[in-house]
Full PDB file with SEQRES, HELIX, SHEET, SSBOND, CRYST1, ORIGX, SCALE, CONECT and MASTER records, all heavy atoms in Angstrom:
SEQRES   1 A   29  PRO ARG LEU GLY ALA ALA VAL ALA ALA TYR ARG THR TYR          
SEQRES   2 A   29  ALA GLN GLU GLN ALA ASP ALA THR VAL PRO ALA VAL GLU          
SEQRES   3 A   29  ALA PHE ALA                                                  
HELIX    1 AA1 ARG A    2  PHE A   28  1                                  27    
CRYST1    1.000    1.000    1.000  90.00  90.00  90.00 P 1           1          
ORIGX1      1.000000  0.000000  0.000000        0.00000                         
ORIGX2      0.000000  1.000000  0.000000        0.00000                         
ORIGX3      0.000000  0.000000  1.000000        0.00000                         
SCALE1      1.000000  0.000000  0.000000        0.00000                         
SCALE2      0.000000  1.000000  0.000000        0.00000                         
SCALE3      0.000000  0.000000  1.000000        0.00000                         
ATOM      1  N   PRO A   1      20.687   1.306   8.108  1.00  0.00           N  
ATOM      2  CA  PRO A   1      19.526   0.581   8.620  1.00  0.00           C  
ATOM      3  C   PRO A   1      18.245   1.411   8.612  1.00  0.00           C  
ATOM      4  O   PRO A   1      17.152   0.883   8.457  1.00  0.00           O  
ATOM      5  CB  PRO A   1      19.925   0.215  10.056  1.00  0.00           C  
ATOM      6  CG  PRO A   1      21.386   0.393  10.129  1.00  0.00           C  
ATOM      7  CD  PRO A   1      21.817   1.306   9.055  1.00  0.00           C  
ATOM      8  N   ARG A   2      18.386   2.712   8.758  1.00  0.00           N  
ATOM      9  CA  ARG A   2      17.214   3.580   8.737  1.00  0.00           C  
ATOM     10  C   ARG A   2      16.575   3.599   7.350  1.00  0.00           C  
ATOM     11  O   ARG A   2      15.351   3.711   7.223  1.00  0.00           O  
ATOM     12  CB  ARG A   2      17.590   4.999   9.171  1.00  0.00           C  
ATOM     13  CG  ARG A   2      18.027   5.104  10.623  1.00  0.00           C  
ATOM     14  CD  ARG A   2      18.552   6.491  10.930  1.00  0.00           C  
ATOM     15  NE  ARG A   2      19.748   6.801  10.151  1.00  0.00           N  
ATOM     16  CZ  ARG A   2      20.348   7.988  10.144  1.00  0.00           C  
ATOM     17  NH1 ARG A   2      19.865   8.986  10.885  1.00  0.00           N  
ATOM     18  NH2 ARG A   2      21.430   8.191   9.418  1.00  0.00           N  
ATOM     19  N   LEU A   3      17.409   3.475   6.329  1.00  0.00           N  
ATOM     20  CA  LEU A   3      16.871   3.418   4.977  1.00  0.00           C  
ATOM     21  C   LEU A   3      16.179   2.088   4.729  1.00  0.00           C  
ATOM     22  O   LEU A   3      15.155   2.025   4.043  1.00  0.00           O  
ATOM     23  CB  LEU A   3      17.981   3.641   3.953  1.00  0.00           C  
ATOM     24  CG  LEU A   3      18.631   5.021   3.976  1.00  0.00           C  
ATOM     25  CD1 LEU A   3      19.722   5.109   2.922  1.00  0.00           C  
ATOM     26  CD2 LEU A   3      17.598   6.127   3.771  1.00  0.00           C  
ATOM     27  N   GLY A   4      16.734   1.035   5.293  1.00  0.00           N  
ATOM     28  CA  GLY A   4      16.072  -0.261   5.193  1.00  0.00           C  
ATOM     29  C   GLY A   4      14.696  -0.234   5.829  1.00  0.00           C  
ATOM     30  O   GLY A   4      13.722  -0.787   5.302  1.00  0.00           O  
ATOM     31  N   ALA A   5      14.603   0.439   6.969  1.00  0.00           N  
ATOM     32  CA  ALA A   5      13.315   0.568   7.652  1.00  0.00           C  
ATOM     33  C   ALA A   5      12.348   1.415   6.826  1.00  0.00           C  
ATOM     34  O   ALA A   5      11.143   1.132   6.764  1.00  0.00           O  
ATOM     35  CB  ALA A   5      13.512   1.188   9.021  1.00  0.00           C  
ATOM     36  N   ALA A   6      12.871   2.448   6.174  1.00  0.00           N  
ATOM     37  CA  ALA A   6      12.033   3.305   5.332  1.00  0.00           C  
ATOM     38  C   ALA A   6      11.475   2.521   4.146  1.00  0.00           C  
ATOM     39  O   ALA A   6      10.304   2.660   3.787  1.00  0.00           O  
ATOM     40  CB  ALA A   6      12.843   4.500   4.839  1.00  0.00           C  
ATOM     41  N   VAL A   7      12.313   1.701   3.544  1.00  0.00           N  
ATOM     42  CA  VAL A   7      11.872   0.884   2.409  1.00  0.00           C  
ATOM     43  C   VAL A   7      10.776  -0.088   2.849  1.00  0.00           C  
ATOM     44  O   VAL A   7       9.754  -0.255   2.167  1.00  0.00           O  
ATOM     45  CB  VAL A   7      13.065   0.123   1.794  1.00  0.00           C  
ATOM     46  CG1 VAL A   7      12.579  -0.955   0.825  1.00  0.00           C  
ATOM     47  CG2 VAL A   7      13.999   1.095   1.080  1.00  0.00           C  
ATOM     48  N   ALA A   8      10.981  -0.736   3.984  1.00  0.00           N  
ATOM     49  CA  ALA A   8       9.975  -1.684   4.487  1.00  0.00           C  
ATOM     50  C   ALA A   8       8.650  -0.973   4.770  1.00  0.00           C  
ATOM     51  O   ALA A   8       7.570  -1.487   4.441  1.00  0.00           O  
ATOM     52  CB  ALA A   8      10.488  -2.362   5.755  1.00  0.00           C  
ATOM     53  N   ALA A   9       8.737   0.210   5.341  1.00  0.00           N  
ATOM     54  CA  ALA A   9       7.522   0.971   5.651  1.00  0.00           C  
ATOM     55  C   ALA A   9       6.831   1.429   4.379  1.00  0.00           C  
ATOM     56  O   ALA A   9       5.593   1.438   4.300  1.00  0.00           O  
ATOM     57  CB  ALA A   9       7.866   2.166   6.529  1.00  0.00           C  
ATOM     58  N   TYR A  10       7.622   1.796   3.379  1.00  0.00           N  
ATOM     59  CA  TYR A  10       7.009   2.239   2.126  1.00  0.00           C  
ATOM     60  C   TYR A  10       6.339   1.078   1.400  1.00  0.00           C  
ATOM     61  O   TYR A  10       5.266   1.245   0.811  1.00  0.00           O  
ATOM     62  CB  TYR A  10       8.035   2.903   1.210  1.00  0.00           C  
ATOM     63  CG  TYR A  10       7.356   3.524   0.011  1.00  0.00           C  
ATOM     64  CD1 TYR A  10       6.759   4.777   0.111  1.00  0.00           C  
ATOM     65  CD2 TYR A  10       7.242   2.834  -1.183  1.00  0.00           C  
ATOM     66  CE1 TYR A  10       6.083   5.330  -0.956  1.00  0.00           C  
ATOM     67  CE2 TYR A  10       6.568   3.377  -2.258  1.00  0.00           C  
ATOM     68  CZ  TYR A  10       5.989   4.615  -2.139  1.00  0.00           C  
ATOM     69  OH  TYR A  10       5.293   5.157  -3.208  1.00  0.00           O  
ATOM     70  N   ARG A  11       6.936  -0.086   1.440  1.00  0.00           N  
ATOM     71  CA  ARG A  11       6.308  -1.256   0.814  1.00  0.00           C  
ATOM     72  C   ARG A  11       4.965  -1.538   1.485  1.00  0.00           C  
ATOM     73  O   ARG A  11       3.969  -1.846   0.820  1.00  0.00           O  
ATOM     74  CB  ARG A  11       7.214  -2.480   0.893  1.00  0.00           C  
ATOM     75  CG  ARG A  11       6.661  -3.680   0.114  1.00  0.00           C  
ATOM     76  CD  ARG A  11       7.530  -4.914   0.291  1.00  0.00           C  
ATOM     77  NE  ARG A  11       8.889  -4.688  -0.169  1.00  0.00           N  
ATOM     78  CZ  ARG A  11       9.258  -4.764  -1.441  1.00  0.00           C  
ATOM     79  NH1 ARG A  11       8.367  -5.057  -2.377  1.00  0.00           N  
ATOM     80  NH2 ARG A  11      10.517  -4.556  -1.789  1.00  0.00           N  
ATOM     81  N   THR A  12       4.941  -1.437   2.807  1.00  0.00           N  
ATOM     82  CA  THR A  12       3.683  -1.623   3.531  1.00  0.00           C  
ATOM     83  C   THR A  12       2.661  -0.589   3.086  1.00  0.00           C  
ATOM     84  O   THR A  12       1.485  -0.902   2.867  1.00  0.00           O  
ATOM     85  CB  THR A  12       3.913  -1.515   5.046  1.00  0.00           C  
ATOM     86  OG1 THR A  12       4.805  -2.566   5.455  1.00  0.00           O  
ATOM     87  CG2 THR A  12       2.611  -1.636   5.819  1.00  0.00           C  
ATOM     88  N   TYR A  13       3.107   0.656   2.949  1.00  0.00           N  
ATOM     89  CA  TYR A  13       2.220   1.737   2.501  1.00  0.00           C  
ATOM     90  C   TYR A  13       1.665   1.443   1.109  1.00  0.00           C  
ATOM     91  O   TYR A  13       0.456   1.582   0.864  1.00  0.00           O  
ATOM     92  CB  TYR A  13       3.003   3.045   2.497  1.00  0.00           C  
ATOM     93  CG  TYR A  13       2.280   4.228   1.911  1.00  0.00           C  
ATOM     94  CD1 TYR A  13       1.224   4.836   2.584  1.00  0.00           C  
ATOM     95  CD2 TYR A  13       2.668   4.758   0.680  1.00  0.00           C  
ATOM     96  CE1 TYR A  13       0.568   5.940   2.053  1.00  0.00           C  
ATOM     97  CE2 TYR A  13       2.017   5.863   0.139  1.00  0.00           C  
ATOM     98  CZ  TYR A  13       0.969   6.445   0.827  1.00  0.00           C  
ATOM     99  OH  TYR A  13       0.324   7.542   0.283  1.00  0.00           O  
ATOM    100  N   ALA A  14       2.536   1.027   0.193  1.00  0.00           N  
ATOM    101  CA  ALA A  14       2.095   0.729  -1.171  1.00  0.00           C  
ATOM    102  C   ALA A  14       1.072  -0.402  -1.178  1.00  0.00           C  
ATOM    103  O   ALA A  14       0.079  -0.363  -1.907  1.00  0.00           O  
ATOM    104  CB  ALA A  14       3.295   0.381  -2.048  1.00  0.00           C  
ATOM    105  N   GLN A  15       1.322  -1.413  -0.348  1.00  0.00           N  
ATOM    106  CA  GLN A  15       0.383  -2.538  -0.278  1.00  0.00           C  
ATOM    107  C   GLN A  15      -0.954  -2.086   0.308  1.00  0.00           C  
ATOM    108  O   GLN A  15      -2.024  -2.486  -0.176  1.00  0.00           O  
ATOM    109  CB  GLN A  15       0.976  -3.662   0.566  1.00  0.00           C  
ATOM    110  CG  GLN A  15       0.166  -4.952   0.536  1.00  0.00           C  
ATOM    111  CD  GLN A  15       0.216  -5.613  -0.836  1.00  0.00           C  
ATOM    112  OE1 GLN A  15       1.275  -6.030  -1.294  1.00  0.00           O  
ATOM    113  NE2 GLN A  15      -0.936  -5.705  -1.498  1.00  0.00           N  
ATOM    114  N   GLU A  16      -0.899  -1.257   1.310  1.00  0.00           N  
ATOM    115  CA  GLU A  16      -2.136  -0.736   1.914  1.00  0.00           C  
ATOM    116  C   GLU A  16      -2.952   0.056   0.900  1.00  0.00           C  
ATOM    117  O   GLU A  16      -4.193  -0.039   0.872  1.00  0.00           O  
ATOM    118  CB  GLU A  16      -1.798   0.146   3.116  1.00  0.00           C  
ATOM    119  CG  GLU A  16      -1.298  -0.624   4.329  1.00  0.00           C  
ATOM    120  CD  GLU A  16      -0.784   0.285   5.431  1.00  0.00           C  
ATOM    121  OE1 GLU A  16      -0.586   1.500   5.170  1.00  0.00           O  
ATOM    122  OE2 GLU A  16      -0.569  -0.213   6.545  1.00  0.00           O  
ATOM    123  N   GLN A  17      -2.261   0.843   0.083  1.00  0.00           N  
ATOM    124  CA  GLN A  17      -2.973   1.627  -0.926  1.00  0.00           C  
ATOM    125  C   GLN A  17      -3.624   0.721  -1.968  1.00  0.00           C  
ATOM    126  O   GLN A  17      -4.768   0.960  -2.393  1.00  0.00           O  
ATOM    127  CB  GLN A  17      -2.013   2.611  -1.601  1.00  0.00           C  
ATOM    128  CG  GLN A  17      -1.461   3.675  -0.671  1.00  0.00           C  
ATOM    129  CD  GLN A  17      -2.539   4.443   0.055  1.00  0.00           C  
ATOM    130  OE1 GLN A  17      -3.462   4.972  -0.571  1.00  0.00           O  
ATOM    131  NE2 GLN A  17      -2.437   4.522   1.378  1.00  0.00           N  
ATOM    132  N   ALA A  18      -2.923  -0.310  -2.374  1.00  0.00           N  
ATOM    133  CA  ALA A  18      -3.507  -1.255  -3.333  1.00  0.00           C  
ATOM    134  C   ALA A  18      -4.666  -2.011  -2.712  1.00  0.00           C  
ATOM    135  O   ALA A  18      -5.710  -2.221  -3.355  1.00  0.00           O  
ATOM    136  CB  ALA A  18      -2.431  -2.226  -3.818  1.00  0.00           C  
ATOM    137  N   ASP A  19      -4.497  -2.412  -1.468  1.00  0.00           N  
ATOM    138  CA  ASP A  19      -5.558  -3.159  -0.784  1.00  0.00           C  
ATOM    139  C   ASP A  19      -6.816  -2.312  -0.632  1.00  0.00           C  
ATOM    140  O   ASP A  19      -7.938  -2.835  -0.665  1.00  0.00           O  
ATOM    141  CB  ASP A  19      -5.073  -3.624   0.597  1.00  0.00           C  
ATOM    142  CG  ASP A  19      -3.995  -4.689   0.513  1.00  0.00           C  
ATOM    143  OD1 ASP A  19      -3.789  -5.252  -0.574  1.00  0.00           O  
ATOM    144  OD2 ASP A  19      -3.344  -4.945   1.549  1.00  0.00           O  
ATOM    145  N   ALA A  20      -6.651  -1.004  -0.453  1.00  0.00           N  
ATOM    146  CA  ALA A  20      -7.801  -0.117  -0.337  1.00  0.00           C  
ATOM    147  C   ALA A  20      -8.404   0.216  -1.703  1.00  0.00           C  
ATOM    148  O   ALA A  20      -9.610   0.496  -1.807  1.00  0.00           O  
ATOM    149  CB  ALA A  20      -7.398   1.176   0.375  1.00  0.00           C  
ATOM    150  N   THR A  21      -7.577   0.188  -2.731  1.00  0.00           N  
ATOM    151  CA  THR A  21      -8.047   0.522  -4.078  1.00  0.00           C  
ATOM    152  C   THR A  21      -9.000  -0.526  -4.627  1.00  0.00           C  
ATOM    153  O   THR A  21     -10.019  -0.198  -5.243  1.00  0.00           O  
ATOM    154  CB  THR A  21      -6.855   0.698  -5.029  1.00  0.00           C  
ATOM    155  OG1 THR A  21      -6.076   1.823  -4.606  1.00  0.00           O  
ATOM    156  CG2 THR A  21      -7.317   0.915  -6.471  1.00  0.00           C  
ATOM    157  N   VAL A  22      -8.680  -1.790  -4.417  1.00  0.00           N  
ATOM    158  CA  VAL A  22      -9.490  -2.855  -5.022  1.00  0.00           C  
ATOM    159  C   VAL A  22     -10.962  -2.775  -4.616  1.00  0.00           C  
ATOM    160  O   VAL A  22     -11.842  -2.776  -5.489  1.00  0.00           O  
ATOM    161  CB  VAL A  22      -8.876  -4.235  -4.725  1.00  0.00           C  
ATOM    162  CG1 VAL A  22      -9.850  -5.354  -5.116  1.00  0.00           C  
ATOM    163  CG2 VAL A  22      -7.566  -4.395  -5.490  1.00  0.00           C  
ATOM    164  N   PRO A  23     -11.316  -2.692  -3.328  1.00  0.00           N  
ATOM    165  CA  PRO A  23     -12.740  -2.581  -2.998  1.00  0.00           C  
ATOM    166  C   PRO A  23     -13.374  -1.293  -3.513  1.00  0.00           C  
ATOM    167  O   PRO A  23     -14.559  -1.276  -3.870  1.00  0.00           O  
ATOM    168  CB  PRO A  23     -12.775  -2.645  -1.470  1.00  0.00           C  
ATOM    169  CG  PRO A  23     -11.389  -2.370  -1.016  1.00  0.00           C  
ATOM    170  CD  PRO A  23     -10.499  -2.845  -2.104  1.00  0.00           C  
ATOM    171  N   ALA A  24     -12.601  -0.211  -3.584  1.00  0.00           N  
ATOM    172  CA  ALA A  24     -13.140   1.039  -4.120  1.00  0.00           C  
ATOM    173  C   ALA A  24     -13.459   0.895  -5.603  1.00  0.00           C  
ATOM    174  O   ALA A  24     -14.485   1.399  -6.085  1.00  0.00           O  
ATOM    175  CB  ALA A  24     -12.142   2.175  -3.907  1.00  0.00           C  
ATOM    176  N   VAL A  25     -12.603   0.189  -6.323  1.00  0.00           N  
ATOM    177  CA  VAL A  25     -12.849  -0.046  -7.745  1.00  0.00           C  
ATOM    178  C   VAL A  25     -13.988  -1.050  -7.941  1.00  0.00           C  
ATOM    179  O   VAL A  25     -14.773  -0.928  -8.882  1.00  0.00           O  
ATOM    180  CB  VAL A  25     -11.561  -0.523  -8.445  1.00  0.00           C  
ATOM    181  CG1 VAL A  25     -11.841  -0.943  -9.885  1.00  0.00           C  
ATOM    182  CG2 VAL A  25     -10.523   0.588  -8.433  1.00  0.00           C  
ATOM    183  N   GLU A  26     -14.088  -2.012  -7.047  1.00  0.00           N  
ATOM    184  CA  GLU A  26     -15.204  -2.959  -7.127  1.00  0.00           C  
ATOM    185  C   GLU A  26     -16.541  -2.237  -6.963  1.00  0.00           C  
ATOM    186  O   GLU A  26     -17.518  -2.541  -7.671  1.00  0.00           O  
ATOM    187  CB  GLU A  26     -15.047  -4.046  -6.072  1.00  0.00           C  
ATOM    188  CG  GLU A  26     -13.938  -5.039  -6.388  1.00  0.00           C  
ATOM    189  CD  GLU A  26     -13.716  -6.066  -5.289  1.00  0.00           C  
ATOM    190  OE1 GLU A  26     -13.932  -5.722  -4.109  1.00  0.00           O  
ATOM    191  OE2 GLU A  26     -13.305  -7.202  -5.622  1.00  0.00           O  
ATOM    192  N   ALA A  27     -16.599  -1.259  -6.050  1.00  0.00           N  
ATOM    193  CA  ALA A  27     -17.825  -0.479  -5.869  1.00  0.00           C  
ATOM    194  C   ALA A  27     -18.126   0.346  -7.117  1.00  0.00           C  
ATOM    195  O   ALA A  27     -19.287   0.455  -7.554  1.00  0.00           O  
ATOM    196  CB  ALA A  27     -17.688   0.430  -4.650  1.00  0.00           C  
ATOM    197  N   PHE A  28     -17.091   0.940  -7.699  1.00  0.00           N  
ATOM    198  CA  PHE A  28     -17.228   1.700  -8.946  1.00  0.00           C  
ATOM    199  C   PHE A  28     -17.755   0.797 -10.061  1.00  0.00           C  
ATOM    200  O   PHE A  28     -18.690   1.159 -10.795  1.00  0.00           O  
ATOM    201  CB  PHE A  28     -15.865   2.294  -9.305  1.00  0.00           C  
ATOM    202  CG  PHE A  28     -15.776   2.966 -10.643  1.00  0.00           C  
ATOM    203  CD1 PHE A  28     -16.575   4.054 -10.952  1.00  0.00           C  
ATOM    204  CD2 PHE A  28     -14.858   2.523 -11.587  1.00  0.00           C  
ATOM    205  CE1 PHE A  28     -16.475   4.691 -12.194  1.00  0.00           C  
ATOM    206  CE2 PHE A  28     -14.738   3.147 -12.821  1.00  0.00           C  
ATOM    207  CZ  PHE A  28     -15.551   4.223 -13.130  1.00  0.00           C  
ATOM    208  N   ALA A  29     -17.179  -0.401 -10.177  1.00  0.00           N  
ATOM    209  CA  ALA A  29     -17.600  -1.349 -11.209  1.00  0.00           C  
ATOM    210  C   ALA A  29     -19.042  -1.810 -10.991  1.00  0.00           C  
ATOM    211  O   ALA A  29     -19.801  -1.988 -11.952  1.00  0.00           O  
ATOM    212  CB  ALA A  29     -16.653  -2.547 -11.226  1.00  0.00           C  
TER     213      ALA A  29                                                      
MASTER        0    0    0    1    0    0    0    6  212    1    0    3          
END                                                                             
């Protein structure tokens, strides 16, 4: 179960990074 929690947390992290990337790239563009 701890690995399941780690996977869920990592997916959230990956989504957060993508969500932050888009506005940064929009400013660059």
